[in-house]
Amino acid sequence: MRNTYLTSHFPLFSILLFSISFAIYTELQLTEWLMNVGLYQGMLEFFSETGIKFTLLFFLVLFFFMIFSALKLIVDTVMELSLLFFSQDVEGNELRKVRGGTWIYLIASVCSLFFVTVPIGIVSCFLAATIIYFIFFVYKVGESMSGAGLFGMIFFHVSFWSVSTAAVLYAAFRLYNSLIKSLPL
């Protein structure tokens, strides 16, 4: 008998490892920027070098942990909504089948630790895990769905994430433009 909760801690470890990968890279870049601007020497008068680095790393890990936790919450909600709309499963068996895919993110998050100096590597690990997990999700759930239900579910996911990404990019672009326009040049 296999315990269904055996892999329940994998998402937490995955989020933590991805957060550490992004935080280490960002901390290295932020430290270099502080040195170039000249603020790092002033900070050394009040704090030790390891104190500055650990404090930056702690807050960056916390920041990325919150981002990835929010993404996981959104992903779980969208996944369960798509199963509600397009699956005929009322017992939750499909959801149990998909839980095994947490291995994908765990392996990718461990791999991302090897790319802490290469941001494209970290992002590639995350995107590859997302694509592989989506294929895994469609494969596992698609066994018990009709063709129209499977098409609707895939369309729902792709359209939701496309619209969400476009909205975030648009908001960031608008914020950047308003910031540039407000500068006295």
Protein backbone atom coordinates (compact mmCIF):
# COMPACT_ATOMS: atom_id res chain seq x y z
CA MET A 1 0.00 0.00 0.00
CA ARG A 2 1.41 3.35 -1.04
CA ASN A 3 0.92 6.36 1.21
CA THR A 4 -0.59 9.23 -0.79
CA TYR A 5 1.06 11.81 1.48
CA LEU A 6 4.59 10.48 0.95
CA THR A 7 5.51 13.21 -1.53
CA SER A 8 3.48 16.01 0.06
CA HIS A 9 6.59 17.88 1.23
CA PHE A 10 8.22 17.98 -2.22
CA PRO A 11 6.56 21.26 -3.30
CA LEU A 12 7.90 22.97 -0.18
CA PHE A 13 11.43 21.74 -0.89
CA SER A 14 11.12 22.71 -4.55
CA ILE A 15 9.99 26.22 -3.70
CA LEU A 16 12.77 26.56 -1.16
CA LEU A 17 15.49 25.34 -3.55
CA PHE A 18 14.31 27.54 -6.43
CA SER A 19 14.15 30.47 -4.01
CA ILE A 20 17.71 29.80 -2.85
CA SER A 21 18.95 29.59 -6.46
CA PHE A 22 17.40 32.89 -7.46
CA ALA A 23 18.38 34.54 -4.16
CA ILE A 24 22.06 33.57 -4.47
CA TYR A 25 22.26 34.97 -7.99
CA THR A 26 20.41 38.16 -7.01
CA GLU A 27 22.57 38.58 -3.90
CA LEU A 28 25.74 38.34 -5.98
CA GLN A 29 24.42 40.93 -8.44
CA LEU A 30 23.15 43.23 -5.69
CA THR A 31 26.47 43.08 -3.81
CA GLU A 32 28.35 43.92 -7.00
CA TRP A 33 25.98 46.82 -7.68
CA LEU A 34 26.40 48.14 -4.13
CA MET A 35 30.18 48.02 -4.59
CA ASN A 36 30.00 49.88 -7.91
CA VAL A 37 27.75 52.57 -6.48
CA GLY A 38 29.97 52.95 -3.40
CA LEU A 39 27.40 52.03 -0.76
CA TYR A 40 29.05 48.76 0.21
CA GLN A 41 32.02 50.42 1.92
CA GLY A 42 29.66 52.55 4.00
CA MET A 43 27.68 49.49 4.98
CA LEU A 44 30.87 47.75 6.11
CA GLU A 45 31.32 50.43 8.77
CA PHE A 46 28.16 49.23 10.53
CA PHE A 47 27.96 45.54 9.59
CA SER A 48 30.41 42.75 8.85
CA GLU A 49 30.73 41.48 5.29
CA THR A 50 29.18 38.13 6.14
CA GLY A 51 26.39 39.91 8.04
CA ILE A 52 25.53 41.99 4.98
CA LYS A 53 25.59 38.98 2.67
CA PHE A 54 23.53 36.77 4.97
CA THR A 55 20.98 39.51 5.59
CA LEU A 56 20.61 40.17 1.87
CA LEU A 57 20.38 36.43 1.20
CA PHE A 58 17.76 35.94 3.91
CA PHE A 59 15.49 38.71 2.61
CA LEU A 60 15.94 37.60 -1.00
CA VAL A 61 15.11 33.98 -0.15
CA LEU A 62 12.04 35.23 1.69
CA PHE A 63 11.04 37.40 -1.28
CA PHE A 64 11.41 34.61 -3.85
CA PHE A 65 9.75 32.13 -1.49
CA MET A 66 6.69 34.36 -1.35
CA ILE A 67 6.61 34.69 -5.14
CA PHE A 68 6.89 30.95 -5.75
CA SER A 69 4.36 30.18 -3.01
CA ALA A 70 1.87 32.56 -4.61
CA LEU A 71 2.52 30.94 -8.00
CA LYS A 72 1.92 27.49 -6.49
CA LEU A 73 -1.35 28.67 -5.01
CA ILE A 74 -2.46 30.07 -8.38
CA VAL A 75 -1.36 26.91 -10.21
CA ASP A 76 -3.23 24.66 -7.81
CA THR A 77 -6.37 26.77 -8.12
CA VAL A 78 -6.22 26.84 -11.94
CA MET A 79 -5.53 23.11 -12.08
CA GLU A 80 -8.46 22.27 -9.84
CA LEU A 81 -10.72 24.69 -11.70
CA SER A 82 -9.84 23.06 -14.99
CA LEU A 83 -10.61 19.65 -13.51
CA LEU A 84 -13.91 21.00 -12.20
CA PHE A 85 -14.90 22.38 -15.61
CA PHE A 86 -13.65 19.65 -17.92
CA SER A 87 -13.29 16.38 -15.98
CA GLN A 88 -16.03 13.93 -15.17
CA ASP A 89 -14.15 12.79 -12.05
CA VAL A 90 -16.07 13.72 -8.90
CA GLU A 91 -14.06 11.62 -6.44
CA GLY A 92 -10.74 13.43 -6.86
CA ASN A 93 -8.90 10.46 -8.36
CA GLU A 94 -7.41 12.65 -11.09
CA LEU A 95 -5.92 14.96 -8.49
CA ARG A 96 -4.26 12.02 -6.74
CA LYS A 97 -2.75 10.85 -10.01
CA VAL A 98 -1.15 14.23 -10.63
CA ARG A 99 0.52 14.48 -7.21
CA GLY A 100 3.31 12.19 -8.40
CA GLY A 101 4.52 14.99 -10.67
CA THR A 102 6.02 16.87 -7.75
CA TRP A 103 9.19 14.91 -8.45
CA ILE A 104 9.62 16.93 -11.62
CA TYR A 105 9.87 20.24 -9.79
CA LEU A 106 12.05 18.75 -7.07
CA ILE A 107 14.60 17.44 -9.59
CA ALA A 108 14.55 20.75 -11.50
CA SER A 109 15.03 22.75 -8.30
CA VAL A 110 18.07 20.65 -7.37
CA CYS A 111 19.44 21.19 -10.89
CA SER A 112 18.87 24.94 -10.56
CA LEU A 113 21.40 25.03 -7.72
CA PHE A 114 24.11 24.24 -10.26
CA PHE A 115 23.22 27.41 -12.18
CA VAL A 116 23.37 30.01 -9.39
CA THR A 117 25.70 32.19 -11.45
CA VAL A 118 23.73 31.78 -14.67
CA PRO A 119 20.20 33.20 -14.47
CA ILE A 120 19.20 31.71 -17.82
CA GLY A 121 20.02 28.28 -16.41
CA ILE A 122 17.79 28.80 -13.38
CA VAL A 123 14.92 30.11 -15.49
CA SER A 124 15.44 27.27 -17.99
CA CYS A 125 15.22 24.69 -15.20
CA PHE A 126 11.99 26.27 -13.96
CA LEU A 127 10.43 26.55 -17.43
CA ALA A 128 11.49 23.02 -18.39
CA ALA A 129 9.95 21.66 -15.19
CA THR A 130 6.76 23.60 -15.88
CA ILE A 131 6.45 22.29 -19.43
CA ILE A 132 7.27 18.70 -18.41
CA TYR A 133 4.79 18.90 -15.52
CA PHE A 134 2.08 20.23 -17.83
CA ILE A 135 2.67 17.35 -20.25
CA PHE A 136 2.60 14.93 -17.30
CA PHE A 137 -0.63 16.54 -16.06
CA VAL A 138 -2.31 16.27 -19.46
CA TYR A 139 -1.14 12.68 -19.88
CA LYS A 140 -2.38 11.55 -16.48
CA VAL A 141 -5.70 13.40 -16.61
CA GLY A 142 -6.29 12.82 -20.31
CA GLU A 143 -6.84 9.10 -19.80
CA SER A 144 -10.28 9.69 -18.34
CA MET A 145 -11.38 12.72 -20.39
CA SER A 146 -13.12 13.10 -23.69
CA GLY A 147 -11.32 14.75 -26.58
CA ALA A 148 -13.36 17.93 -26.21
CA GLY A 149 -12.76 18.03 -22.46
CA LEU A 150 -9.02 17.57 -22.95
CA PHE A 151 -8.93 20.30 -25.59
CA GLY A 152 -10.94 22.62 -23.34
CA MET A 153 -8.64 21.99 -20.39
CA ILE A 154 -5.49 22.65 -22.42
CA PHE A 155 -7.04 25.77 -23.93
CA PHE A 156 -8.09 26.95 -20.45
CA HIS A 157 -4.54 26.59 -19.08
CA VAL A 158 -2.81 28.13 -22.08
CA SER A 159 -5.20 31.06 -22.28
CA PHE A 160 -5.10 31.71 -18.52
CA TRP A 161 -1.30 31.80 -18.38
CA SER A 162 -1.01 33.79 -21.61
CA VAL A 163 -3.42 36.44 -20.38
CA SER A 164 -1.79 36.51 -16.93
CA THR A 165 1.71 36.87 -18.38
CA ALA A 166 0.57 39.57 -20.80
CA ALA A 167 -1.14 41.47 -17.97
CA VAL A 168 1.96 41.36 -15.77
CA LEU A 169 4.22 42.44 -18.64
CA TYR A 170 1.83 45.24 -19.57
CA ALA A 171 1.68 46.48 -15.96
CA ALA A 172 5.48 46.34 -15.68
CA PHE A 173 5.85 48.20 -18.98
CA ARG A 174 3.39 50.89 -17.87
CA LEU A 175 5.16 51.27 -14.53
CA TYR A 176 8.53 51.54 -16.25
CA ASN A 177 7.23 54.17 -18.70
CA SER A 178 5.66 56.24 -15.94
CA LEU A 179 8.89 56.04 -13.94
CA ILE A 180 10.94 57.19 -16.93
CA LYS A 181 8.50 60.03 -17.69
CA SER A 182 8.65 61.25 -14.09
CA LEU A 183 12.44 61.64 -14.14
CA PRO A 184 13.60 65.23 -14.54
CA LEU A 185 15.61 65.19 -17.76
